[in-house]
Amino acid sequence: MITTVAMITIRAGHQEKVSNILKAHVSRERKLKGCLQAYYKRAMNNDDTFLVFAEYDSLESFQAAEKMDEQKDGGKVESILRPHILKAFHGSFE
């Protein structure tokens, strides 16, 4: 199982835009084969901080999702999320 977790802090005043981007991101992830769950949550004590979580059934599913984003989004703003999530943390818990 592969899990990605990221805590993203944004500039004040951009919460709605980032929330929309994150909503689209996790909605797209959930539809991918091998994605067990994906969600984002706003911090309880800070409106400028979000947690983004995704869980995949295998390394192959995770890599396929990563590759699909690279090919499909072609550098759109939404695709910027994945590299940040990967740099924040990724690991295998088997």
N, C-alpha and C. Protein backbone atom coordinates (compact mmCIF):
# COMPACT_ATOMS: atom_id res chain seq x y z
N MET A 1 0.84 -1.17 0.00
CA MET A 1 0.00 0.00 0.00
C MET A 1 0.90 1.24 0.00
N ILE A 2 0.56 2.21 -0.80
CA ILE A 2 1.29 3.48 -0.89
C ILE A 2 0.38 4.58 -0.38
N THR A 3 0.92 5.42 0.49
CA THR A 3 0.16 6.52 1.06
C THR A 3 0.90 7.82 0.80
N THR A 4 0.18 8.84 0.36
CA THR A 4 0.77 10.18 0.22
C THR A 4 0.03 11.11 1.16
N VAL A 5 0.80 11.93 1.84
CA VAL A 5 0.24 12.88 2.79
C VAL A 5 0.97 14.20 2.60
N ALA A 6 0.22 15.28 2.58
CA ALA A 6 0.84 16.61 2.48
C ALA A 6 0.07 17.60 3.33
N MET A 7 0.81 18.49 3.95
CA MET A 7 0.19 19.61 4.64
C MET A 7 0.58 20.85 3.86
N ILE A 8 -0.41 21.54 3.35
CA ILE A 8 -0.17 22.69 2.48
C ILE A 8 -0.66 23.95 3.19
N THR A 9 0.22 24.92 3.32
CA THR A 9 -0.15 26.22 3.87
C THR A 9 -0.13 27.23 2.73
N ILE A 10 -1.20 28.00 2.62
CA ILE A 10 -1.35 28.92 1.49
C ILE A 10 -1.38 30.36 1.99
N ARG A 11 -1.29 31.27 1.06
CA ARG A 11 -1.41 32.69 1.40
C ARG A 11 -2.84 33.02 1.77
N ALA A 12 -3.00 33.88 2.73
CA ALA A 12 -4.34 34.31 3.15
C ALA A 12 -5.08 34.91 1.97
N GLY A 13 -6.37 34.62 1.89
CA GLY A 13 -7.17 35.16 0.81
C GLY A 13 -7.32 34.24 -0.38
N HIS A 14 -6.60 33.12 -0.40
CA HIS A 14 -6.65 32.19 -1.52
C HIS A 14 -7.36 30.88 -1.16
N GLN A 15 -8.02 30.85 -0.01
CA GLN A 15 -8.63 29.61 0.46
C GLN A 15 -9.63 29.03 -0.52
N GLU A 16 -10.50 29.85 -1.08
CA GLU A 16 -11.53 29.34 -1.98
C GLU A 16 -10.91 28.75 -3.25
N LYS A 17 -9.94 29.44 -3.83
CA LYS A 17 -9.29 28.96 -5.05
C LYS A 17 -8.58 27.64 -4.79
N VAL A 18 -7.82 27.57 -3.70
CA VAL A 18 -7.09 26.35 -3.37
C VAL A 18 -8.06 25.23 -3.03
N SER A 19 -9.11 25.54 -2.32
CA SER A 19 -10.11 24.53 -1.98
C SER A 19 -10.71 23.92 -3.25
N ASN A 20 -11.00 24.74 -4.24
CA ASN A 20 -11.52 24.24 -5.52
C ASN A 20 -10.51 23.36 -6.24
N ILE A 21 -9.24 23.76 -6.23
CA ILE A 21 -8.19 22.97 -6.86
C ILE A 21 -8.04 21.63 -6.16
N LEU A 22 -8.04 21.65 -4.82
CA LEU A 22 -7.90 20.41 -4.07
C LEU A 22 -9.10 19.49 -4.26
N LYS A 23 -10.28 20.08 -4.32
CA LYS A 23 -11.49 19.28 -4.54
C LYS A 23 -11.40 18.56 -5.89
N ALA A 24 -10.99 19.27 -6.92
CA ALA A 24 -10.84 18.66 -8.25
C ALA A 24 -9.75 17.59 -8.22
N HIS A 25 -8.67 17.87 -7.52
CA HIS A 25 -7.55 16.92 -7.44
C HIS A 25 -7.98 15.61 -6.80
N VAL A 26 -8.62 15.67 -5.63
CA VAL A 26 -9.00 14.42 -4.96
C VAL A 26 -10.14 13.72 -5.69
N SER A 27 -11.01 14.47 -6.34
CA SER A 27 -12.08 13.84 -7.14
C SER A 27 -11.48 13.04 -8.28
N ARG A 28 -10.47 13.59 -8.92
CA ARG A 28 -9.79 12.89 -10.01
C ARG A 28 -9.04 11.67 -9.49
N GLU A 29 -8.37 11.80 -8.35
CA GLU A 29 -7.63 10.69 -7.78
C GLU A 29 -8.55 9.53 -7.43
N ARG A 30 -9.69 9.82 -6.85
CA ARG A 30 -10.63 8.78 -6.43
C ARG A 30 -11.09 7.91 -7.59
N LYS A 31 -11.13 8.47 -8.77
CA LYS A 31 -11.60 7.74 -9.95
C LYS A 31 -10.55 6.82 -10.55
N LEU A 32 -9.31 6.99 -10.14
CA LEU A 32 -8.22 6.20 -10.71
C LEU A 32 -8.22 4.78 -10.19
N LYS A 33 -7.92 3.85 -11.08
CA LYS A 33 -7.82 2.45 -10.69
C LYS A 33 -6.71 2.30 -9.65
N GLY A 34 -7.03 1.63 -8.57
CA GLY A 34 -6.04 1.40 -7.53
C GLY A 34 -6.01 2.44 -6.44
N CYS A 35 -6.75 3.52 -6.58
CA CYS A 35 -6.83 4.53 -5.52
C CYS A 35 -7.89 4.07 -4.53
N LEU A 36 -7.47 3.79 -3.31
CA LEU A 36 -8.39 3.31 -2.29
C LEU A 36 -9.18 4.44 -1.65
N GLN A 37 -8.51 5.57 -1.44
CA GLN A 37 -9.19 6.75 -0.89
C GLN A 37 -8.33 7.98 -1.13
N ALA A 38 -9.00 9.12 -1.20
CA ALA A 38 -8.32 10.40 -1.35
C ALA A 38 -9.23 11.47 -0.78
N TYR A 39 -8.65 12.38 -0.03
CA TYR A 39 -9.43 13.48 0.53
C TYR A 39 -8.53 14.63 0.93
N TYR A 40 -9.15 15.76 1.21
CA TYR A 40 -8.44 16.90 1.78
C TYR A 40 -9.29 17.47 2.89
N LYS A 41 -8.63 18.06 3.86
CA LYS A 41 -9.31 18.67 5.01
C LYS A 41 -8.64 19.97 5.35
N ARG A 42 -9.42 20.93 5.78
CA ARG A 42 -8.89 22.20 6.25
C ARG A 42 -8.55 22.06 7.73
N ALA A 43 -7.45 22.66 8.15
CA ALA A 43 -7.05 22.61 9.56
C ALA A 43 -8.10 23.27 10.44
N MET A 44 -8.29 22.74 11.62
CA MET A 44 -9.29 23.28 12.53
C MET A 44 -8.85 24.62 13.12
N ASN A 45 -7.56 24.83 13.26
CA ASN A 45 -7.07 26.03 13.91
C ASN A 45 -6.47 27.06 12.95
N ASN A 46 -6.57 26.80 11.63
CA ASN A 46 -5.94 27.70 10.68
C ASN A 46 -6.62 27.54 9.31
N ASP A 47 -7.30 28.55 8.83
CA ASP A 47 -7.99 28.46 7.54
C ASP A 47 -7.04 28.42 6.35
N ASP A 48 -5.77 28.66 6.58
CA ASP A 48 -4.79 28.70 5.49
C ASP A 48 -4.00 27.40 5.34
N THR A 49 -4.37 26.36 6.09
CA THR A 49 -3.64 25.10 6.05
C THR A 49 -4.58 23.95 5.70
N PHE A 50 -4.13 23.10 4.78
CA PHE A 50 -4.90 21.95 4.33
C PHE A 50 -4.06 20.68 4.45
N LEU A 51 -4.73 19.57 4.72
CA LEU A 51 -4.12 18.25 4.68
C LEU A 51 -4.66 17.55 3.44
N VAL A 52 -3.77 16.95 2.66
CA VAL A 52 -4.17 16.20 1.47
C VAL A 52 -3.66 14.78 1.64
N PHE A 53 -4.55 13.80 1.48
CA PHE A 53 -4.23 12.40 1.73
C PHE A 53 -4.71 11.55 0.56
N ALA A 54 -3.90 10.59 0.15
CA ALA A 54 -4.32 9.61 -0.86
C ALA A 54 -3.67 8.27 -0.53
N GLU A 55 -4.41 7.21 -0.82
CA GLU A 55 -3.92 5.86 -0.54
C GLU A 55 -4.15 4.99 -1.78
N TYR A 56 -3.12 4.26 -2.18
CA TYR A 56 -3.16 3.42 -3.38
C TYR A 56 -2.91 1.97 -2.99
N ASP A 57 -3.46 1.04 -3.75
CA ASP A 57 -3.33 -0.37 -3.41
C ASP A 57 -1.94 -0.95 -3.72
N SER A 58 -1.18 -0.28 -4.59
CA SER A 58 0.15 -0.80 -4.93
C SER A 58 1.03 0.33 -5.48
N LEU A 59 2.30 0.04 -5.54
CA LEU A 59 3.25 1.00 -6.12
C LEU A 59 2.92 1.24 -7.58
N GLU A 60 2.50 0.20 -8.28
CA GLU A 60 2.15 0.33 -9.70
C GLU A 60 0.98 1.29 -9.90
N SER A 61 -0.04 1.20 -9.04
CA SER A 61 -1.19 2.11 -9.14
C SER A 61 -0.76 3.55 -8.88
N PHE A 62 0.08 3.73 -7.90
CA PHE A 62 0.59 5.05 -7.57
C PHE A 62 1.38 5.63 -8.73
N GLN A 63 2.28 4.84 -9.31
CA GLN A 63 3.09 5.31 -10.42
C GLN A 63 2.25 5.59 -11.66
N ALA A 64 1.21 4.78 -11.88
CA ALA A 64 0.31 5.01 -13.02
C ALA A 64 -0.44 6.32 -12.84
N ALA A 65 -0.89 6.60 -11.62
CA ALA A 65 -1.59 7.86 -11.34
C ALA A 65 -0.66 9.05 -11.56
N GLU A 66 0.57 8.91 -11.11
CA GLU A 66 1.56 9.97 -11.28
C GLU A 66 1.83 10.22 -12.77
N LYS A 67 2.01 9.16 -13.52
CA LYS A 67 2.29 9.27 -14.95
C LYS A 67 1.09 9.87 -15.70
N MET A 68 -0.11 9.44 -15.32
CA MET A 68 -1.32 9.95 -15.96
C MET A 68 -1.47 11.46 -15.75
N ASP A 69 -1.16 11.92 -14.55
CA ASP A 69 -1.21 13.36 -14.27
C ASP A 69 -0.23 14.12 -15.14
N GLU A 70 0.97 13.59 -15.28
CA GLU A 70 1.99 14.25 -16.09
C GLU A 70 1.54 14.38 -17.54
N GLN A 71 0.94 13.34 -18.07
CA GLN A 71 0.51 13.34 -19.46
C GLN A 71 -0.77 14.13 -19.68
N LYS A 72 -1.72 14.00 -18.77
CA LYS A 72 -3.05 14.57 -18.96
C LYS A 72 -3.10 16.07 -18.72
N ASP A 73 -2.49 16.52 -17.63
CA ASP A 73 -2.63 17.92 -17.25
C ASP A 73 -1.71 18.86 -18.03
N GLY A 74 -0.61 18.36 -18.50
CA GLY A 74 0.28 19.18 -19.31
C GLY A 74 0.70 20.49 -18.67
N GLY A 75 0.89 20.50 -17.34
CA GLY A 75 1.38 21.69 -16.69
C GLY A 75 0.33 22.65 -16.19
N LYS A 76 -0.94 22.27 -16.19
CA LYS A 76 -1.97 23.15 -15.63
C LYS A 76 -1.75 23.32 -14.14
N VAL A 77 -2.38 24.31 -13.58
CA VAL A 77 -2.22 24.61 -12.16
C VAL A 77 -2.50 23.38 -11.30
N GLU A 78 -3.56 22.64 -11.63
CA GLU A 78 -3.94 21.50 -10.82
C GLU A 78 -2.84 20.44 -10.73
N SER A 79 -2.06 20.28 -11.79
CA SER A 79 -1.03 19.25 -11.78
C SER A 79 0.14 19.63 -10.88
N ILE A 80 0.23 20.87 -10.48
CA ILE A 80 1.31 21.31 -9.59
C ILE A 80 1.16 20.65 -8.22
N LEU A 81 -0.04 20.25 -7.85
CA LEU A 81 -0.24 19.65 -6.54
C LEU A 81 0.53 18.35 -6.36
N ARG A 82 0.53 17.50 -7.37
CA ARG A 82 1.15 16.19 -7.20
C ARG A 82 2.63 16.28 -6.83
N PRO A 83 3.47 17.06 -7.52
CA PRO A 83 4.88 17.12 -7.10
C PRO A 83 5.04 17.60 -5.66
N HIS A 84 4.20 18.55 -5.23
CA HIS A 84 4.30 19.02 -3.86
C HIS A 84 3.92 17.92 -2.88
N ILE A 85 2.91 17.16 -3.21
CA ILE A 85 2.50 16.06 -2.35
C ILE A 85 3.62 15.03 -2.26
N LEU A 86 4.21 14.71 -3.39
CA LEU A 86 5.27 13.70 -3.41
C LEU A 86 6.50 14.17 -2.64
N LYS A 87 6.83 15.44 -2.77
CA LYS A 87 7.99 15.95 -2.06
C LYS A 87 7.72 16.01 -0.56
N ALA A 88 6.45 16.24 -0.19
CA ALA A 88 6.11 16.32 1.22
C ALA A 88 6.31 14.96 1.89
N PHE A 89 5.81 13.90 1.27
CA PHE A 89 5.95 12.57 1.85
C PHE A 89 5.37 11.52 0.91
N HIS A 90 6.02 10.44 0.77
CA HIS A 90 5.41 9.24 0.22
C HIS A 90 6.17 8.03 0.74
N GLY A 91 5.44 6.97 0.99
CA GLY A 91 6.09 5.80 1.55
C GLY A 91 5.24 4.56 1.36
N SER A 92 5.83 3.44 1.62
CA SER A 92 5.16 2.16 1.49
C SER A 92 4.99 1.56 2.87
N PHE A 93 3.76 1.22 3.20
CA PHE A 93 3.47 0.62 4.50
C PHE A 93 2.84 -0.74 4.26
N GLU A 94 3.65 -1.74 4.20
CA GLU A 94 3.14 -3.10 3.97
C GLU A 94 3.41 -3.96 5.16
